[in-house]
Amino acid sequence: MCKGLASLPASCLERAKELKARLRILLQKPNWTLPCSKIGKNKLTLEECLKWKESFEKLLSSKYGLCTFTAFLVSEFSEENIAFYFACEDYRRIKCPARLLTKAQKIYSEFISSEAPREINIDHETRDITKANMQDPSPSCFDQAQHRIYMLMAKDCYPRFLHSPAYRDLLCQAKTSTKATNLPQLEKKV
């Protein structure tokens, strides 16, 4: 191993290997396709794709939309944002106080601490408030950090997604699929 790499922490080396593997996968795929095409029984429709443009909430509320947006974030190396957002959503639903503490510590160590393997991009004030909330974890202890990440995705990642080749390719695929589906119906009418 190179002397410079040997001085890096093991977590950095692991992350670098993970990124290298992801890049290799992305370079092998010339076209964007829906990575989770087995969601539900129905195929992705043009109408559903177009609804995603209406609002970030509509994108996240669609199973296909969430899957596609997550794949986009993976391609931008920022999938920790969506993972953190939904970890907080799951955390908020926990009823058992003992599980609340365990899950809060897991979320904090995975996404917020300075040594977090999937550290999210939040300001120091939000990080400090969240750290203070960890003294007595409640269902709302991550609310401010979650809100910051939601706003980051809504104002930064979401607009980029809508202008990305990933979204344009899916629209084209959905249009082609819609035309192919409507063709037999048109032939019957003639």
N, C-alpha and C. Protein backbone atom coordinates (compact mmCIF):
# COMPACT_ATOMS: atom_id res chain seq x y z
N MET A 1 0.85 -1.18 0.00
CA MET A 1 0.00 0.00 0.00
C MET A 1 0.89 1.24 0.00
N CYS A 2 0.44 2.26 -0.65
CA CYS A 2 1.16 3.53 -0.72
C CYS A 2 1.31 4.12 0.68
N LYS A 3 2.48 4.72 0.97
CA LYS A 3 2.73 5.27 2.31
C LYS A 3 1.71 6.33 2.67
N GLY A 4 1.29 7.14 1.72
CA GLY A 4 0.30 8.19 1.98
C GLY A 4 -1.04 7.61 2.38
N LEU A 5 -1.45 6.52 1.72
CA LEU A 5 -2.72 5.89 2.05
C LEU A 5 -2.68 5.19 3.40
N ALA A 6 -1.51 4.66 3.77
CA ALA A 6 -1.39 3.95 5.04
C ALA A 6 -1.66 4.86 6.22
N SER A 7 -1.45 6.16 6.06
CA SER A 7 -1.66 7.08 7.18
C SER A 7 -3.12 7.48 7.35
N LEU A 8 -3.96 7.16 6.39
CA LEU A 8 -5.39 7.50 6.49
C LEU A 8 -6.10 6.53 7.43
N PRO A 9 -7.16 7.00 8.10
CA PRO A 9 -7.94 6.10 8.94
C PRO A 9 -8.60 5.01 8.10
N ALA A 10 -8.84 3.88 8.71
CA ALA A 10 -9.45 2.74 8.00
C ALA A 10 -10.80 3.11 7.42
N SER A 11 -11.58 3.95 8.12
CA SER A 11 -12.90 4.34 7.62
C SER A 11 -12.80 5.10 6.30
N CYS A 12 -11.75 5.91 6.13
CA CYS A 12 -11.55 6.64 4.87
C CYS A 12 -11.24 5.68 3.73
N LEU A 13 -10.41 4.70 4.02
CA LEU A 13 -10.04 3.72 3.00
C LEU A 13 -11.25 2.89 2.58
N GLU A 14 -12.07 2.52 3.56
CA GLU A 14 -13.28 1.75 3.26
C GLU A 14 -14.22 2.57 2.39
N ARG A 15 -14.39 3.86 2.73
CA ARG A 15 -15.28 4.75 1.97
C ARG A 15 -14.74 4.91 0.54
N ALA A 16 -13.42 5.03 0.39
CA ALA A 16 -12.82 5.18 -0.93
C ALA A 16 -13.08 3.93 -1.78
N LYS A 17 -12.96 2.75 -1.17
CA LYS A 17 -13.23 1.51 -1.90
C LYS A 17 -14.69 1.44 -2.32
N GLU A 18 -15.58 1.86 -1.43
CA GLU A 18 -17.01 1.87 -1.73
C GLU A 18 -17.31 2.81 -2.89
N LEU A 19 -16.72 4.00 -2.87
CA LEU A 19 -16.93 4.97 -3.94
C LEU A 19 -16.39 4.46 -5.27
N LYS A 20 -15.25 3.81 -5.23
CA LYS A 20 -14.66 3.25 -6.44
C LYS A 20 -15.60 2.20 -7.05
N ALA A 21 -16.17 1.36 -6.21
CA ALA A 21 -17.10 0.33 -6.69
C ALA A 21 -18.34 0.97 -7.30
N ARG A 22 -18.85 2.01 -6.68
CA ARG A 22 -20.03 2.69 -7.20
C ARG A 22 -19.75 3.37 -8.53
N LEU A 23 -18.60 3.99 -8.62
CA LEU A 23 -18.23 4.64 -9.88
C LEU A 23 -18.14 3.61 -11.00
N ARG A 24 -17.56 2.47 -10.72
CA ARG A 24 -17.44 1.41 -11.71
C ARG A 24 -18.81 1.00 -12.21
N ILE A 25 -19.77 0.87 -11.30
CA ILE A 25 -21.14 0.49 -11.67
C ILE A 25 -21.77 1.56 -12.55
N LEU A 26 -21.60 2.83 -12.18
CA LEU A 26 -22.19 3.92 -12.95
C LEU A 26 -21.58 4.02 -14.34
N LEU A 27 -20.30 3.79 -14.45
CA LEU A 27 -19.65 3.88 -15.75
C LEU A 27 -20.07 2.75 -16.68
N GLN A 28 -20.53 1.65 -16.14
CA GLN A 28 -20.94 0.52 -16.96
C GLN A 28 -22.36 0.68 -17.49
N LYS A 29 -23.16 1.59 -16.91
CA LYS A 29 -24.54 1.76 -17.33
C LYS A 29 -24.67 3.01 -18.20
N PRO A 30 -24.83 2.84 -19.52
CA PRO A 30 -24.92 3.99 -20.38
C PRO A 30 -26.25 4.75 -20.23
N ASN A 31 -27.32 4.06 -19.95
CA ASN A 31 -28.63 4.71 -19.79
C ASN A 31 -29.12 4.54 -18.37
N TRP A 32 -29.86 5.53 -17.92
CA TRP A 32 -30.48 5.44 -16.60
C TRP A 32 -31.72 4.58 -16.72
N THR A 33 -31.83 3.62 -15.84
CA THR A 33 -33.04 2.83 -15.75
C THR A 33 -33.47 2.81 -14.31
N LEU A 34 -34.72 2.51 -14.09
CA LEU A 34 -35.25 2.48 -12.74
C LEU A 34 -34.65 1.29 -12.00
N PRO A 35 -33.86 1.53 -10.94
CA PRO A 35 -33.16 0.44 -10.28
C PRO A 35 -34.08 -0.49 -9.48
N CYS A 36 -35.28 -0.06 -9.23
CA CYS A 36 -36.17 -0.91 -8.44
C CYS A 36 -37.48 -1.09 -9.20
N SER A 37 -37.38 -1.66 -10.37
CA SER A 37 -38.53 -1.79 -11.26
C SER A 37 -39.56 -2.80 -10.77
N LYS A 38 -39.26 -3.51 -9.72
CA LYS A 38 -40.21 -4.50 -9.22
C LYS A 38 -41.08 -3.96 -8.10
N ILE A 39 -41.19 -2.64 -8.01
CA ILE A 39 -42.06 -2.04 -7.01
C ILE A 39 -43.48 -2.13 -7.52
N GLY A 40 -44.32 -2.79 -6.78
CA GLY A 40 -45.71 -2.88 -7.17
C GLY A 40 -45.91 -3.69 -8.45
N LYS A 41 -47.15 -3.76 -8.89
CA LYS A 41 -47.49 -4.55 -10.07
C LYS A 41 -47.48 -3.68 -11.33
N ASN A 42 -47.70 -2.40 -11.16
CA ASN A 42 -47.81 -1.50 -12.31
C ASN A 42 -46.45 -0.96 -12.71
N LYS A 43 -46.33 -0.67 -14.01
CA LYS A 43 -45.10 -0.06 -14.51
C LYS A 43 -45.17 1.44 -14.27
N LEU A 44 -44.03 2.06 -14.33
CA LEU A 44 -43.94 3.50 -14.20
C LEU A 44 -44.67 4.15 -15.37
N THR A 45 -45.53 5.11 -15.04
CA THR A 45 -46.30 5.79 -16.09
C THR A 45 -45.76 7.19 -16.31
N LEU A 46 -46.08 7.73 -17.46
CA LEU A 46 -45.70 9.09 -17.79
C LEU A 46 -46.35 10.07 -16.82
N GLU A 47 -47.61 9.82 -16.47
CA GLU A 47 -48.32 10.71 -15.54
C GLU A 47 -47.61 10.78 -14.19
N GLU A 48 -47.15 9.62 -13.72
CA GLU A 48 -46.45 9.60 -12.43
C GLU A 48 -45.14 10.38 -12.52
N CYS A 49 -44.39 10.17 -13.59
CA CYS A 49 -43.13 10.91 -13.79
C CYS A 49 -43.38 12.41 -13.80
N LEU A 50 -44.43 12.83 -14.47
CA LEU A 50 -44.73 14.26 -14.56
C LEU A 50 -45.19 14.84 -13.22
N LYS A 51 -45.82 14.03 -12.39
CA LYS A 51 -46.24 14.50 -11.05
C LYS A 51 -45.04 14.86 -10.19
N TRP A 52 -43.92 14.18 -10.43
CA TRP A 52 -42.72 14.45 -9.63
C TRP A 52 -42.26 15.88 -9.81
N LYS A 53 -42.56 16.48 -10.96
CA LYS A 53 -42.17 17.87 -11.23
C LYS A 53 -42.99 18.86 -10.42
N GLU A 54 -44.18 18.45 -9.97
CA GLU A 54 -45.08 19.35 -9.26
C GLU A 54 -44.53 19.76 -7.90
N SER A 55 -43.94 18.81 -7.18
CA SER A 55 -43.39 19.15 -5.86
C SER A 55 -42.47 18.04 -5.37
N PHE A 56 -41.58 18.42 -4.47
CA PHE A 56 -40.67 17.46 -3.86
C PHE A 56 -41.45 16.43 -3.05
N GLU A 57 -42.53 16.87 -2.41
CA GLU A 57 -43.36 15.97 -1.60
C GLU A 57 -43.96 14.87 -2.48
N LYS A 58 -44.41 15.25 -3.68
CA LYS A 58 -45.00 14.24 -4.58
C LYS A 58 -43.94 13.25 -5.04
N LEU A 59 -42.72 13.72 -5.24
CA LEU A 59 -41.64 12.81 -5.61
C LEU A 59 -41.39 11.80 -4.50
N LEU A 60 -41.29 12.28 -3.25
CA LEU A 60 -41.01 11.39 -2.13
C LEU A 60 -42.19 10.47 -1.80
N SER A 61 -43.40 10.89 -2.11
CA SER A 61 -44.57 10.06 -1.78
C SER A 61 -44.79 8.94 -2.80
N SER A 62 -44.10 9.01 -3.93
CA SER A 62 -44.19 7.97 -4.95
C SER A 62 -43.10 6.94 -4.71
N LYS A 63 -43.47 5.66 -4.70
CA LYS A 63 -42.46 4.61 -4.50
C LYS A 63 -41.41 4.66 -5.61
N TYR A 64 -41.88 4.81 -6.84
CA TYR A 64 -40.94 4.91 -7.96
C TYR A 64 -40.11 6.19 -7.85
N GLY A 65 -40.77 7.27 -7.48
CA GLY A 65 -40.07 8.55 -7.35
C GLY A 65 -38.98 8.49 -6.30
N LEU A 66 -39.31 7.93 -5.14
CA LEU A 66 -38.34 7.81 -4.06
C LEU A 66 -37.16 6.93 -4.50
N CYS A 67 -37.47 5.84 -5.15
CA CYS A 67 -36.42 4.93 -5.61
C CYS A 67 -35.51 5.61 -6.62
N THR A 68 -36.10 6.32 -7.57
CA THR A 68 -35.33 7.00 -8.60
C THR A 68 -34.50 8.14 -8.02
N PHE A 69 -35.10 8.91 -7.12
CA PHE A 69 -34.39 10.02 -6.48
C PHE A 69 -33.22 9.49 -5.65
N THR A 70 -33.44 8.38 -4.96
CA THR A 70 -32.37 7.77 -4.17
C THR A 70 -31.22 7.33 -5.08
N ALA A 71 -31.56 6.72 -6.21
CA ALA A 71 -30.52 6.31 -7.17
C ALA A 71 -29.75 7.54 -7.67
N PHE A 72 -30.46 8.63 -7.88
CA PHE A 72 -29.81 9.87 -8.31
C PHE A 72 -28.85 10.36 -7.22
N LEU A 73 -29.30 10.34 -5.96
CA LEU A 73 -28.43 10.77 -4.86
C LEU A 73 -27.20 9.87 -4.75
N VAL A 74 -27.38 8.59 -4.98
CA VAL A 74 -26.23 7.67 -4.96
C VAL A 74 -25.23 8.09 -6.03
N SER A 75 -25.73 8.45 -7.21
CA SER A 75 -24.84 8.86 -8.29
C SER A 75 -24.10 10.15 -7.97
N GLU A 76 -24.66 10.95 -7.08
CA GLU A 76 -24.03 12.20 -6.67
C GLU A 76 -23.27 12.05 -5.34
N PHE A 77 -23.22 10.84 -4.83
CA PHE A 77 -22.54 10.55 -3.57
C PHE A 77 -23.14 11.34 -2.40
N SER A 78 -24.45 11.49 -2.40
CA SER A 78 -25.11 12.18 -1.29
C SER A 78 -26.34 11.41 -0.80
N GLU A 79 -26.30 10.09 -0.93
CA GLU A 79 -27.43 9.27 -0.50
C GLU A 79 -27.64 9.29 1.01
N GLU A 80 -26.64 9.76 1.76
CA GLU A 80 -26.79 9.84 3.21
C GLU A 80 -27.94 10.77 3.59
N ASN A 81 -28.25 11.75 2.75
CA ASN A 81 -29.33 12.69 3.04
C ASN A 81 -30.67 11.99 3.12
N ILE A 82 -31.00 11.22 2.11
CA ILE A 82 -32.29 10.54 2.10
C ILE A 82 -32.32 9.44 3.16
N ALA A 83 -31.19 8.79 3.38
CA ALA A 83 -31.12 7.74 4.41
C ALA A 83 -31.35 8.35 5.80
N PHE A 84 -30.74 9.50 6.05
CA PHE A 84 -30.94 10.18 7.33
C PHE A 84 -32.39 10.63 7.49
N TYR A 85 -32.94 11.20 6.44
CA TYR A 85 -34.32 11.69 6.50
C TYR A 85 -35.28 10.57 6.90
N PHE A 86 -35.16 9.42 6.26
CA PHE A 86 -36.08 8.33 6.56
C PHE A 86 -35.72 7.60 7.86
N ALA A 87 -34.47 7.64 8.27
CA ALA A 87 -34.11 7.10 9.60
C ALA A 87 -34.82 7.92 10.67
N CYS A 88 -34.88 9.23 10.47
CA CYS A 88 -35.58 10.11 11.42
C CYS A 88 -37.09 9.86 11.41
N GLU A 89 -37.64 9.61 10.22
CA GLU A 89 -39.07 9.30 10.12
C GLU A 89 -39.38 8.02 10.89
N ASP A 90 -38.56 6.99 10.72
CA ASP A 90 -38.75 5.74 11.46
C ASP A 90 -38.57 5.96 12.96
N TYR A 91 -37.57 6.74 13.32
CA TYR A 91 -37.27 7.02 14.72
C TYR A 91 -38.46 7.68 15.41
N ARG A 92 -39.09 8.61 14.74
CA ARG A 92 -40.22 9.36 15.31
C ARG A 92 -41.40 8.43 15.65
N ARG A 93 -41.50 7.29 14.98
CA ARG A 93 -42.61 6.36 15.20
C ARG A 93 -42.37 5.38 16.35
N ILE A 94 -41.17 5.38 16.91
CA ILE A 94 -40.84 4.44 17.99
C ILE A 94 -41.62 4.80 19.25
N LYS A 95 -42.24 3.80 19.85
CA LYS A 95 -43.04 4.02 21.07
C LYS A 95 -42.29 3.64 22.34
N CYS A 96 -41.44 2.64 22.26
CA CYS A 96 -40.73 2.12 23.43
C CYS A 96 -39.55 3.04 23.79
N PRO A 97 -39.53 3.62 25.02
CA PRO A 97 -38.46 4.53 25.42
C PRO A 97 -37.06 3.90 25.35
N ALA A 98 -36.94 2.62 25.66
CA ALA A 98 -35.63 1.96 25.62
C ALA A 98 -35.12 1.88 24.18
N ARG A 99 -36.00 1.60 23.25
CA ARG A 99 -35.61 1.54 21.84
C ARG A 99 -35.29 2.94 21.31
N LEU A 100 -35.96 3.95 21.86
CA LEU A 100 -35.73 5.33 21.45
C LEU A 100 -34.27 5.72 21.68
N LEU A 101 -33.75 5.40 22.84
CA LEU A 101 -32.36 5.73 23.17
C LEU A 101 -31.39 4.99 22.26
N THR A 102 -31.59 3.72 22.07
CA THR A 102 -30.71 2.92 21.23
C THR A 102 -30.71 3.41 19.79
N LYS A 103 -31.88 3.66 19.25
CA LYS A 103 -32.00 4.12 17.87
C LYS A 103 -31.42 5.54 17.72
N ALA A 104 -31.63 6.40 18.71
CA ALA A 104 -31.08 7.76 18.65
C ALA A 104 -29.56 7.72 18.60
N GLN A 105 -28.97 6.88 19.42
CA GLN A 105 -27.51 6.76 19.42
C GLN A 105 -27.00 6.23 18.08
N LYS A 106 -27.74 5.29 17.51
CA LYS A 106 -27.34 4.72 16.22
C LYS A 106 -27.40 5.79 15.12
N ILE A 107 -28.48 6.56 15.08
CA ILE A 107 -28.62 7.62 14.07
C ILE A 107 -27.53 8.66 14.26
N TYR A 108 -27.30 9.05 15.50
CA TYR A 108 -26.29 10.07 15.77
C TYR A 108 -24.90 9.59 15.32
N SER A 109 -24.56 8.37 15.67
CA SER A 109 -23.22 7.88 15.33
C SER A 109 -23.07 7.61 13.82
N GLU A 110 -24.16 7.30 13.14
CA GLU A 110 -24.07 7.02 11.71
C GLU A 110 -24.09 8.28 10.84
N PHE A 111 -24.81 9.33 11.30
CA PHE A 111 -25.02 10.48 10.43
C PHE A 111 -24.53 11.83 10.97
N ILE A 112 -24.40 11.99 12.27
CA ILE A 112 -24.16 13.33 12.80
C ILE A 112 -22.81 13.52 13.47
N SER A 113 -22.31 12.54 14.18
CA SER A 113 -21.04 12.70 14.88
C SER A 113 -19.92 13.04 13.90
N SER A 114 -18.86 13.62 14.43
CA SER A 114 -17.75 14.03 13.56
C SER A 114 -17.04 12.82 12.92
N GLU A 115 -17.21 11.65 13.49
CA GLU A 115 -16.61 10.43 12.94
C GLU A 115 -17.64 9.57 12.20
N ALA A 116 -18.80 10.13 11.90
CA ALA A 116 -19.87 9.37 11.26
C ALA A 116 -19.46 8.87 9.88
N PRO A 117 -19.72 7.60 9.59
CA PRO A 117 -19.37 7.07 8.27
C PRO A 117 -20.21 7.67 7.14
N ARG A 118 -21.41 8.15 7.48
CA ARG A 118 -22.30 8.74 6.47
C ARG A 118 -22.70 10.15 6.94
N GLU A 119 -21.73 10.93 7.30
CA GLU A 119 -21.98 12.25 7.90
C GLU A 119 -22.77 13.15 6.95
N ILE A 120 -23.84 13.73 7.50
CA ILE A 120 -24.66 14.65 6.73
C ILE A 120 -24.10 16.06 6.84
N ASN A 121 -24.46 16.90 5.91
CA ASN A 121 -23.96 18.26 5.84
C ASN A 121 -24.92 19.21 6.54
N ILE A 122 -24.67 19.44 7.83
CA ILE A 122 -25.47 20.40 8.60
C ILE A 122 -24.53 21.40 9.26
N ASP A 123 -25.07 22.56 9.59
CA ASP A 123 -24.26 23.60 10.22
C ASP A 123 -23.92 23.24 11.66
N HIS A 124 -22.94 23.93 12.22
CA HIS A 124 -22.48 23.62 13.58
C HIS A 124 -23.57 23.85 14.63
N GLU A 125 -24.36 24.88 14.44
CA GLU A 125 -25.43 25.17 15.41
C GLU A 125 -26.42 24.01 15.47
N THR A 126 -26.84 23.51 14.33
CA THR A 126 -27.78 22.38 14.28
C THR A 126 -27.13 21.13 14.87
N ARG A 127 -25.87 20.93 14.55
CA ARG A 127 -25.14 19.77 15.10
C ARG A 127 -25.07 19.85 16.63
N ASP A 128 -24.78 21.05 17.16
CA ASP A 128 -24.70 21.23 18.61
C ASP A 128 -26.05 21.04 19.28
N ILE A 129 -27.10 21.55 18.67
CA ILE A 129 -28.45 21.38 19.23
C ILE A 129 -28.82 19.90 19.25
N THR A 130 -28.51 19.20 18.17
CA THR A 130 -28.82 17.77 18.10
C THR A 130 -28.01 17.00 19.14
N LYS A 131 -26.76 17.38 19.30
CA LYS A 131 -25.92 16.72 20.31
C LYS A 131 -26.49 16.95 21.72
N ALA A 132 -26.95 18.16 22.00
CA ALA A 132 -27.57 18.45 23.29
C ALA A 132 -28.86 17.65 23.47
N ASN A 133 -29.63 17.49 22.40
CA ASN A 133 -30.86 16.70 22.46
C ASN A 133 -30.60 15.24 22.78
N MET A 134 -29.41 14.79 22.51
CA MET A 134 -29.06 13.39 22.75
C MET A 134 -28.94 13.09 24.25
N GLN A 135 -28.85 14.12 25.08
CA GLN A 135 -28.78 13.91 26.53
C GLN A 135 -30.07 13.28 27.05
N ASP A 136 -31.18 13.64 26.41
CA ASP A 136 -32.48 13.08 26.78
C ASP A 136 -33.29 12.88 25.50
N PRO A 137 -32.99 11.80 24.77
CA PRO A 137 -33.63 11.60 23.46
C PRO A 137 -35.15 11.55 23.54
N SER A 138 -35.77 12.28 22.65
CA SER A 138 -37.22 12.28 22.51
C SER A 138 -37.54 12.05 21.04
N PRO A 139 -38.80 11.81 20.71
CA PRO A 139 -39.14 11.60 19.29
C PRO A 139 -38.79 12.80 18.40
N SER A 140 -38.59 13.97 19.00
CA SER A 140 -38.31 15.17 18.20
C SER A 140 -36.85 15.62 18.26
N CYS A 141 -35.96 14.81 18.82
CA CYS A 141 -34.58 15.27 19.02
C CYS A 141 -33.81 15.50 17.72
N PHE A 142 -34.26 14.93 16.62
CA PHE A 142 -33.57 15.13 15.33
C PHE A 142 -34.33 16.08 14.41
N ASP A 143 -35.41 16.68 14.91
CA ASP A 143 -36.27 17.49 14.04
C ASP A 143 -35.53 18.60 13.30
N GLN A 144 -34.70 19.35 13.98
CA GLN A 144 -34.01 20.46 13.32
C GLN A 144 -33.04 19.95 12.25
N ALA A 145 -32.29 18.93 12.57
CA ALA A 145 -31.34 18.37 11.60
C ALA A 145 -32.10 17.78 10.41
N GLN A 146 -33.19 17.09 10.69
CA GLN A 146 -33.98 16.50 9.62
C GLN A 146 -34.55 17.60 8.71
N HIS A 147 -35.03 18.68 9.31
CA HIS A 147 -35.57 19.79 8.53
C HIS A 147 -34.50 20.40 7.63
N ARG A 148 -33.29 20.57 8.17
CA ARG A 148 -32.19 21.13 7.37
C ARG A 148 -31.88 20.24 6.17
N ILE A 149 -31.85 18.95 6.40
CA ILE A 149 -31.54 18.01 5.31
C ILE A 149 -32.68 17.98 4.29
N TYR A 150 -33.91 18.03 4.78
CA TYR A 150 -35.06 18.07 3.86
C TYR A 150 -34.96 19.31 2.97
N MET A 151 -34.68 20.46 3.56
CA MET A 151 -34.59 21.71 2.80
C MET A 151 -33.41 21.65 1.82
N LEU A 152 -32.31 21.06 2.23
CA LEU A 152 -31.16 20.90 1.34
C LEU A 152 -31.56 20.08 0.12
N MET A 153 -32.25 18.97 0.35
CA MET A 153 -32.67 18.12 -0.77
C MET A 153 -33.69 18.85 -1.64
N ALA A 154 -34.65 19.52 -1.00
CA ALA A 154 -35.72 20.19 -1.75
C ALA A 154 -35.20 21.36 -2.59
N LYS A 155 -34.26 22.10 -2.07
CA LYS A 155 -33.79 23.30 -2.76
C LYS A 155 -32.55 23.07 -3.62
N ASP A 156 -31.83 22.00 -3.38
CA ASP A 156 -30.59 21.75 -4.11
C ASP A 156 -30.66 20.48 -4.96
N CYS A 157 -30.86 19.34 -4.32
CA CYS A 157 -30.83 18.05 -5.02
C CYS A 157 -32.03 17.86 -5.94
N TYR A 158 -33.21 18.22 -5.47
CA TYR A 158 -34.44 18.03 -6.25
C TYR A 158 -34.41 18.79 -7.58
N PRO A 159 -34.07 20.09 -7.60
CA PRO A 159 -33.98 20.77 -8.90
C PRO A 159 -32.94 20.15 -9.84
N ARG A 160 -31.80 19.73 -9.27
CA ARG A 160 -30.79 19.07 -10.10
C ARG A 160 -31.32 17.75 -10.66
N PHE A 161 -32.07 17.03 -9.84
CA PHE A 161 -32.67 15.77 -10.29
C PHE A 161 -33.59 16.01 -11.48
N LEU A 162 -34.43 17.05 -11.39
CA LEU A 162 -35.38 17.33 -12.47
C LEU A 162 -34.70 17.70 -13.78
N HIS A 163 -33.46 18.18 -13.71
CA HIS A 163 -32.71 18.55 -14.91
C HIS A 163 -31.66 17.49 -15.28
N SER A 164 -31.68 16.38 -14.59
CA SER A 164 -30.65 15.35 -14.79
C SER A 164 -30.98 14.42 -15.95
N PRO A 165 -29.95 13.79 -16.50
CA PRO A 165 -30.18 12.75 -17.52
C PRO A 165 -31.04 11.61 -16.96
N ALA A 166 -30.93 11.34 -15.67
CA ALA A 166 -31.71 10.26 -15.06
C ALA A 166 -33.21 10.52 -15.25
N TYR A 167 -33.65 11.71 -14.90
CA TYR A 167 -35.07 12.05 -15.01
C TYR A 167 -35.49 12.14 -16.48
N ARG A 168 -34.68 12.76 -17.31
CA ARG A 168 -35.02 12.89 -18.74
C ARG A 168 -35.13 11.51 -19.38
N ASP A 169 -34.22 10.60 -19.05
CA ASP A 169 -34.27 9.24 -19.60
C ASP A 169 -35.54 8.51 -19.16
N LEU A 170 -35.91 8.67 -17.89
CA LEU A 170 -37.13 8.02 -17.42
C LEU A 170 -38.36 8.59 -18.10
N LEU A 171 -38.39 9.91 -18.33
CA LEU A 171 -39.51 10.51 -19.06
C LEU A 171 -39.60 9.93 -20.47
N CYS A 172 -38.47 9.81 -21.12
CA CYS A 172 -38.45 9.23 -22.48
C CYS A 172 -38.93 7.79 -22.47
N GLN A 173 -38.45 7.03 -21.49
CA GLN A 173 -38.88 5.62 -21.39
C GLN A 173 -40.38 5.53 -21.13
N ALA A 174 -40.89 6.41 -20.25
CA ALA A 174 -42.31 6.40 -19.92
C ALA A 174 -43.14 6.83 -21.14
N LYS A 175 -42.66 7.81 -21.90
CA LYS A 175 -43.37 8.24 -23.11
C LYS A 175 -43.42 7.11 -24.13
N THR A 176 -42.29 6.44 -24.31
CA THR A 176 -42.22 5.33 -25.25
C THR A 176 -43.15 4.20 -24.81
N SER A 177 -43.16 3.92 -23.53
CA SER A 177 -44.02 2.87 -22.98
C SER A 177 -45.49 3.24 -23.16
N THR A 178 -45.82 4.52 -22.95
CA THR A 178 -47.19 4.98 -23.11
C THR A 178 -47.63 4.86 -24.56
N LYS A 179 -46.76 5.23 -25.49
CA LYS A 179 -47.09 5.11 -26.92
C LYS A 179 -47.30 3.65 -27.29
N ALA A 180 -46.44 2.79 -26.80
CA ALA A 180 -46.55 1.36 -27.12
C ALA A 180 -47.82 0.76 -26.54
N THR A 181 -48.21 1.22 -25.37
CA THR A 181 -49.43 0.73 -24.72
C THR A 181 -50.67 1.23 -25.46
N ASN A 182 -50.64 2.48 -25.93
CA ASN A 182 -51.80 3.07 -26.60
C ASN A 182 -51.94 2.63 -28.05
N LEU A 183 -50.89 2.13 -28.67
CA LEU A 183 -50.93 1.73 -30.07
C LEU A 183 -51.97 0.65 -30.34
N PRO A 184 -52.05 -0.44 -29.56
CA PRO A 184 -53.09 -1.46 -29.82
C PRO A 184 -54.49 -0.89 -29.67
N GLN A 185 -54.69 0.06 -28.74
CA GLN A 185 -56.00 0.67 -28.57
C GLN A 185 -56.39 1.49 -29.78
N LEU A 186 -55.40 2.21 -30.35
CA LEU A 186 -55.66 3.02 -31.54
C LEU A 186 -55.99 2.13 -32.73
N GLU A 187 -55.30 1.01 -32.85
CA GLU A 187 -55.54 0.08 -33.95
C GLU A 187 -56.94 -0.52 -33.88
N LYS A 188 -57.44 -0.76 -32.67
CA LYS A 188 -58.79 -1.30 -32.50
C LYS A 188 -59.84 -0.29 -32.96
N LYS A 189 -59.58 1.00 -32.71
CA LYS A 189 -60.54 2.03 -33.08
C LYS A 189 -60.62 2.21 -34.60
N VAL A 190 -59.52 1.94 -35.28
CA VAL A 190 -59.47 2.12 -36.73
C VAL A 190 -60.08 0.92 -37.38
